[in-house]
Amino acid sequence: MTYQALSSKLYHMSTIKISSKVEEAVWEELKVAAKESHQNVSGMLTEAISDYLQRRRIRPVVINHLLDSMDENEELGQLLAK
């Protein structure tokens, strides 16, 4: 998803206020990056959190494919285990 598509999608979503602690150096680096990319810190944080969650989740289609593949190749797996 492009930044523009994400921004558009997020613009139409409700937001909440959060509080957290981060290392000061990381915070300063984030503010500089936001300024350089003409974005606000809130938008960058939302994008970063969204990206993190997408990387951490295993999509159901991937799980289903893995399970199907294991079922289809069970005999081969048993032969290889010997």
N, C-alpha and C. Protein backbone atom coordinates (compact mmCIF):
# COMPACT_ATOMS: atom_id res chain seq x y z
N MET A 1 0.86 -1.17 0.00
CA MET A 1 0.00 0.00 0.00
C MET A 1 0.90 1.23 0.00
N THR A 2 0.58 2.15 -0.86
CA THR A 2 1.37 3.37 -0.93
C THR A 2 1.06 4.28 0.24
N TYR A 3 1.96 5.20 0.50
CA TYR A 3 1.73 6.15 1.59
C TYR A 3 0.47 6.95 1.34
N GLN A 4 0.26 7.36 0.08
CA GLN A 4 -0.92 8.16 -0.23
C GLN A 4 -2.20 7.37 0.03
N ALA A 5 -2.23 6.10 -0.35
CA ALA A 5 -3.41 5.26 -0.12
C ALA A 5 -3.64 5.08 1.38
N LEU A 6 -2.55 4.83 2.11
CA LEU A 6 -2.67 4.67 3.56
C LEU A 6 -3.14 5.96 4.20
N SER A 7 -2.58 7.08 3.78
CA SER A 7 -2.98 8.37 4.34
C SER A 7 -4.45 8.64 4.09
N SER A 8 -4.89 8.34 2.89
CA SER A 8 -6.29 8.57 2.55
C SER A 8 -7.19 7.68 3.40
N LYS A 9 -6.79 6.44 3.55
CA LYS A 9 -7.57 5.49 4.36
C LYS A 9 -7.60 5.95 5.82
N LEU A 10 -6.47 6.36 6.35
CA LEU A 10 -6.40 6.77 7.74
C LEU A 10 -7.12 8.09 7.98
N TYR A 11 -7.15 8.94 6.97
CA TYR A 11 -7.82 10.23 7.11
C TYR A 11 -9.29 10.03 7.43
N HIS A 12 -9.87 8.97 6.90
CA HIS A 12 -11.28 8.72 7.08
C HIS A 12 -11.57 7.85 8.30
N MET A 13 -10.57 7.46 9.03
CA MET A 13 -10.75 6.63 10.21
C MET A 13 -10.73 7.53 11.45
N SER A 14 -11.44 7.08 12.47
CA SER A 14 -11.39 7.84 13.72
C SER A 14 -10.04 7.60 14.38
N THR A 15 -9.61 8.54 15.17
CA THR A 15 -8.32 8.43 15.83
C THR A 15 -8.50 8.46 17.34
N ILE A 16 -7.49 7.98 18.02
CA ILE A 16 -7.46 8.04 19.48
C ILE A 16 -6.15 8.66 19.90
N LYS A 17 -6.11 9.18 21.08
CA LYS A 17 -4.88 9.75 21.62
C LYS A 17 -4.24 8.68 22.49
N ILE A 18 -2.94 8.50 22.33
CA ILE A 18 -2.21 7.52 23.13
C ILE A 18 -1.05 8.20 23.84
N SER A 19 -0.52 7.50 24.81
CA SER A 19 0.66 7.98 25.52
C SER A 19 1.64 6.83 25.62
N SER A 20 2.89 7.12 25.36
CA SER A 20 3.91 6.08 25.42
C SER A 20 5.25 6.72 25.72
N LYS A 21 6.23 5.90 25.99
CA LYS A 21 7.59 6.38 26.22
C LYS A 21 8.50 5.80 25.16
N VAL A 22 9.37 6.64 24.61
CA VAL A 22 10.38 6.20 23.65
C VAL A 22 11.70 6.86 24.02
N GLU A 23 12.77 6.29 23.53
CA GLU A 23 14.08 6.88 23.79
C GLU A 23 14.14 8.25 23.12
N GLU A 24 14.74 9.19 23.82
CA GLU A 24 14.78 10.56 23.33
C GLU A 24 15.43 10.67 21.95
N ALA A 25 16.50 9.93 21.74
CA ALA A 25 17.20 9.99 20.45
C ALA A 25 16.30 9.49 19.32
N VAL A 26 15.53 8.45 19.58
CA VAL A 26 14.61 7.90 18.58
C VAL A 26 13.52 8.92 18.28
N TRP A 27 13.01 9.57 19.33
CA TRP A 27 11.97 10.58 19.15
C TRP A 27 12.48 11.74 18.28
N GLU A 28 13.68 12.19 18.56
CA GLU A 28 14.25 13.29 17.79
C GLU A 28 14.45 12.88 16.33
N GLU A 29 14.91 11.66 16.13
CA GLU A 29 15.10 11.15 14.76
C GLU A 29 13.76 11.07 14.02
N LEU A 30 12.71 10.65 14.72
CA LEU A 30 11.38 10.58 14.13
C LEU A 30 10.89 11.97 13.72
N LYS A 31 11.11 12.95 14.57
CA LYS A 31 10.68 14.31 14.25
C LYS A 31 11.42 14.84 13.02
N VAL A 32 12.71 14.55 12.93
CA VAL A 32 13.49 14.99 11.76
C VAL A 32 12.97 14.29 10.50
N ALA A 33 12.72 12.99 10.59
CA ALA A 33 12.22 12.24 9.44
C ALA A 33 10.85 12.76 9.00
N ALA A 34 10.01 13.10 9.95
CA ALA A 34 8.69 13.64 9.64
C ALA A 34 8.83 14.97 8.89
N LYS A 35 9.71 15.81 9.37
CA LYS A 35 9.91 17.11 8.74
C LYS A 35 10.46 16.94 7.32
N GLU A 36 11.44 16.05 7.18
CA GLU A 36 12.06 15.81 5.86
C GLU A 36 11.05 15.28 4.84
N SER A 37 10.10 14.48 5.32
CA SER A 37 9.13 13.87 4.40
C SER A 37 7.82 14.63 4.33
N HIS A 38 7.79 15.80 4.97
CA HIS A 38 6.60 16.66 4.96
C HIS A 38 5.36 15.93 5.50
N GLN A 39 5.57 15.16 6.57
CA GLN A 39 4.49 14.45 7.24
C GLN A 39 4.46 14.91 8.70
N ASN A 40 3.39 14.57 9.38
CA ASN A 40 3.38 14.85 10.81
C ASN A 40 3.77 13.58 11.56
N VAL A 41 4.20 13.75 12.79
CA VAL A 41 4.67 12.62 13.59
C VAL A 41 3.55 11.61 13.81
N SER A 42 2.35 12.09 14.03
CA SER A 42 1.21 11.20 14.24
C SER A 42 0.99 10.28 13.05
N GLY A 43 1.05 10.84 11.86
CA GLY A 43 0.88 10.04 10.65
C GLY A 43 1.98 9.01 10.49
N MET A 44 3.21 9.43 10.81
CA MET A 44 4.33 8.50 10.70
C MET A 44 4.21 7.37 11.71
N LEU A 45 3.78 7.69 12.94
CA LEU A 45 3.59 6.66 13.95
C LEU A 45 2.50 5.68 13.54
N THR A 46 1.40 6.21 13.02
CA THR A 46 0.31 5.34 12.57
C THR A 46 0.79 4.40 11.47
N GLU A 47 1.52 4.95 10.52
CA GLU A 47 2.05 4.14 9.43
C GLU A 47 3.02 3.08 9.96
N ALA A 48 3.89 3.46 10.88
CA ALA A 48 4.88 2.53 11.43
C ALA A 48 4.19 1.41 12.21
N ILE A 49 3.19 1.75 13.00
CA ILE A 49 2.48 0.73 13.77
C ILE A 49 1.75 -0.22 12.83
N SER A 50 1.11 0.33 11.81
CA SER A 50 0.40 -0.49 10.83
C SER A 50 1.36 -1.44 10.11
N ASP A 51 2.51 -0.92 9.67
CA ASP A 51 3.51 -1.76 9.01
C ASP A 51 4.00 -2.87 9.93
N TYR A 52 4.26 -2.53 11.17
CA TYR A 52 4.73 -3.51 12.16
C TYR A 52 3.70 -4.63 12.32
N LEU A 53 2.44 -4.26 12.47
CA LEU A 53 1.40 -5.26 12.66
C LEU A 53 1.23 -6.15 11.44
N GLN A 54 1.34 -5.59 10.26
CA GLN A 54 1.23 -6.39 9.05
C GLN A 54 2.38 -7.39 8.94
N ARG A 55 3.57 -6.99 9.33
CA ARG A 55 4.72 -7.90 9.28
C ARG A 55 4.60 -9.01 10.32
N ARG A 56 4.00 -8.74 11.45
CA ARG A 56 3.92 -9.70 12.55
C ARG A 56 2.80 -10.72 12.39
N ARG A 57 1.80 -10.38 11.62
CA ARG A 57 0.65 -11.27 11.45
C ARG A 57 0.90 -12.23 10.31
N ILE A 58 0.50 -13.47 10.52
CA ILE A 58 0.56 -14.43 9.44
C ILE A 58 -0.83 -14.45 8.82
N ARG A 59 -0.89 -14.14 7.55
CA ARG A 59 -2.18 -14.08 6.88
C ARG A 59 -2.84 -15.46 6.84
N PRO A 60 -4.15 -15.51 7.01
CA PRO A 60 -4.87 -16.79 6.99
C PRO A 60 -4.62 -17.58 5.70
N VAL A 61 -4.50 -16.91 4.56
CA VAL A 61 -4.27 -17.61 3.31
C VAL A 61 -2.92 -18.35 3.34
N VAL A 62 -1.93 -17.76 4.01
CA VAL A 62 -0.62 -18.41 4.12
C VAL A 62 -0.72 -19.65 5.01
N ILE A 63 -1.41 -19.52 6.13
CA ILE A 63 -1.61 -20.65 7.04
C ILE A 63 -2.35 -21.78 6.33
N ASN A 64 -3.43 -21.42 5.62
CA ASN A 64 -4.21 -22.44 4.90
C ASN A 64 -3.37 -23.14 3.85
N HIS A 65 -2.55 -22.38 3.13
CA HIS A 65 -1.67 -22.98 2.13
C HIS A 65 -0.67 -23.92 2.78
N LEU A 66 -0.11 -23.52 3.89
CA LEU A 66 0.85 -24.37 4.61
C LEU A 66 0.19 -25.67 5.06
N LEU A 67 -0.99 -25.58 5.64
CA LEU A 67 -1.69 -26.78 6.11
C LEU A 67 -2.06 -27.69 4.94
N ASP A 68 -2.53 -27.12 3.83
CA ASP A 68 -2.85 -27.92 2.64
C ASP A 68 -1.61 -28.62 2.11
N SER A 69 -0.51 -27.90 2.07
CA SER A 69 0.74 -28.47 1.57
C SER A 69 1.22 -29.61 2.47
N MET A 70 1.09 -29.42 3.78
CA MET A 70 1.50 -30.48 4.71
C MET A 70 0.62 -31.72 4.53
N ASP A 71 -0.68 -31.52 4.34
CA ASP A 71 -1.58 -32.65 4.10
C ASP A 71 -1.24 -33.38 2.81
N GLU A 72 -0.99 -32.61 1.75
CA GLU A 72 -0.69 -33.19 0.45
C GLU A 72 0.64 -33.95 0.44
N ASN A 73 1.56 -33.53 1.28
CA ASN A 73 2.90 -34.11 1.27
C ASN A 73 3.22 -34.90 2.53
N GLU A 74 2.20 -35.38 3.21
CA GLU A 74 2.41 -36.11 4.46
C GLU A 74 3.27 -37.36 4.25
N GLU A 75 2.96 -38.10 3.18
CA GLU A 75 3.73 -39.33 2.90
C GLU A 75 5.19 -39.00 2.63
N LEU A 76 5.43 -37.98 1.85
CA LEU A 76 6.80 -37.55 1.55
C LEU A 76 7.51 -37.13 2.84
N GLY A 77 6.82 -36.43 3.68
CA GLY A 77 7.40 -36.00 4.95
C GLY A 77 7.81 -37.18 5.82
N GLN A 78 6.97 -38.20 5.83
CA GLN A 78 7.31 -39.39 6.62
C GLN A 78 8.52 -40.11 6.04
N LEU A 79 8.59 -40.20 4.70
CA LEU A 79 9.76 -40.83 4.06
C LEU A 79 11.04 -40.04 4.36
N LEU A 80 10.96 -38.74 4.31
CA LEU A 80 12.14 -37.92 4.57
C LEU A 80 12.58 -38.00 6.04
N ALA A 81 11.64 -38.25 6.92
CA ALA A 81 11.95 -38.33 8.35
C ALA A 81 12.71 -39.61 8.69
N LYS A 82 12.62 -40.61 7.84
CA LYS A 82 13.30 -41.89 8.12
C LYS A 82 14.78 -41.81 7.93
